[in-house]
Amino acid sequence: MEEFVKYYNFQRYHESLENLTPSDVYFGNGQKKLKQRKLIKNRTLQARKKQFQKNQLNL
């Protein structure tokens, strides 16, 4: 049971907690992680747009 509780609280992402773990929320790390994810997502989208535009020019 102890293994499950550790997994549930420290590793398993919860959709109702914006895909954070309960420990992230409890210890106040949630907002930092959400900001990091948003930054990574924006960078990825920009890189994909640049790649798409580059591929369109090569057609």
Protein backbone atom coordinates (compact mmCIF):
# COMPACT_ATOMS: atom_id res chain seq x y z
CA MET A 1 0.00 0.00 0.00
CA GLU A 2 2.88 2.35 0.77
CA GLU A 3 4.21 1.98 -2.78
CA PHE A 4 0.83 2.89 -4.23
CA VAL A 5 0.48 5.98 -2.02
CA LYS A 6 3.93 7.20 -3.10
CA TYR A 7 3.07 6.64 -6.75
CA TYR A 8 -0.34 8.30 -6.41
CA ASN A 9 0.97 11.38 -4.62
CA PHE A 10 4.38 11.90 -6.22
CA GLN A 11 4.33 10.40 -9.74
CA ARG A 12 0.80 10.12 -11.05
CA TYR A 13 -0.49 13.17 -12.88
CA HIS A 14 -4.09 14.11 -12.11
CA GLU A 15 -6.25 15.67 -14.78
CA SER A 16 -8.31 17.50 -12.16
CA LEU A 17 -5.07 19.14 -10.93
CA GLU A 18 -4.09 20.40 -14.41
CA ASN A 19 -1.94 17.30 -14.92
CA LEU A 20 0.16 17.93 -11.84
CA THR A 21 0.84 15.53 -9.01
CA PRO A 22 -0.80 16.11 -5.64
CA SER A 23 2.65 16.73 -4.15
CA ASP A 24 3.32 19.48 -6.75
CA VAL A 25 0.16 21.25 -5.68
CA TYR A 26 0.64 20.67 -1.96
CA PHE A 27 4.24 21.86 -1.87
CA GLY A 28 3.56 24.88 -4.11
CA ASN A 29 5.51 23.77 -7.18
CA GLY A 30 2.47 23.56 -9.46
CA GLN A 31 2.46 27.06 -10.91
CA LYS A 32 6.18 26.90 -11.68
CA LYS A 33 5.72 23.63 -13.56
CA LEU A 34 2.73 24.99 -15.48
CA LYS A 35 4.76 28.05 -16.54
CA GLN A 36 7.63 25.81 -17.69
CA ARG A 37 5.23 23.66 -19.72
CA LYS A 38 3.69 26.71 -21.36
CA LEU A 39 7.12 28.07 -22.28
CA ILE A 40 8.17 24.73 -23.79
CA LYS A 41 4.90 24.48 -25.70
CA ASN A 42 5.28 27.98 -27.15
CA ARG A 43 8.88 27.32 -28.20
CA THR A 44 7.85 24.06 -29.84
CA LEU A 45 5.02 25.72 -31.75
CA GLN A 46 7.34 28.47 -32.98
CA ALA A 47 9.91 25.91 -34.14
CA ARG A 48 7.22 23.91 -35.95
CA LYS A 49 5.93 27.03 -37.70
CA LYS A 50 9.44 27.91 -38.86
CA GLN A 51 10.00 24.37 -40.10
CA PHE A 52 6.66 24.39 -41.92
CA GLN A 53 7.46 27.70 -43.61
CA LYS A 54 10.90 26.43 -44.59
CA ASN A 55 9.35 23.30 -46.10
CA GLN A 56 6.80 25.37 -48.02
CA LEU A 57 9.59 27.40 -49.61
CA ASN A 58 11.34 24.21 -50.74
CA LEU A 59 8.30 22.84 -52.56
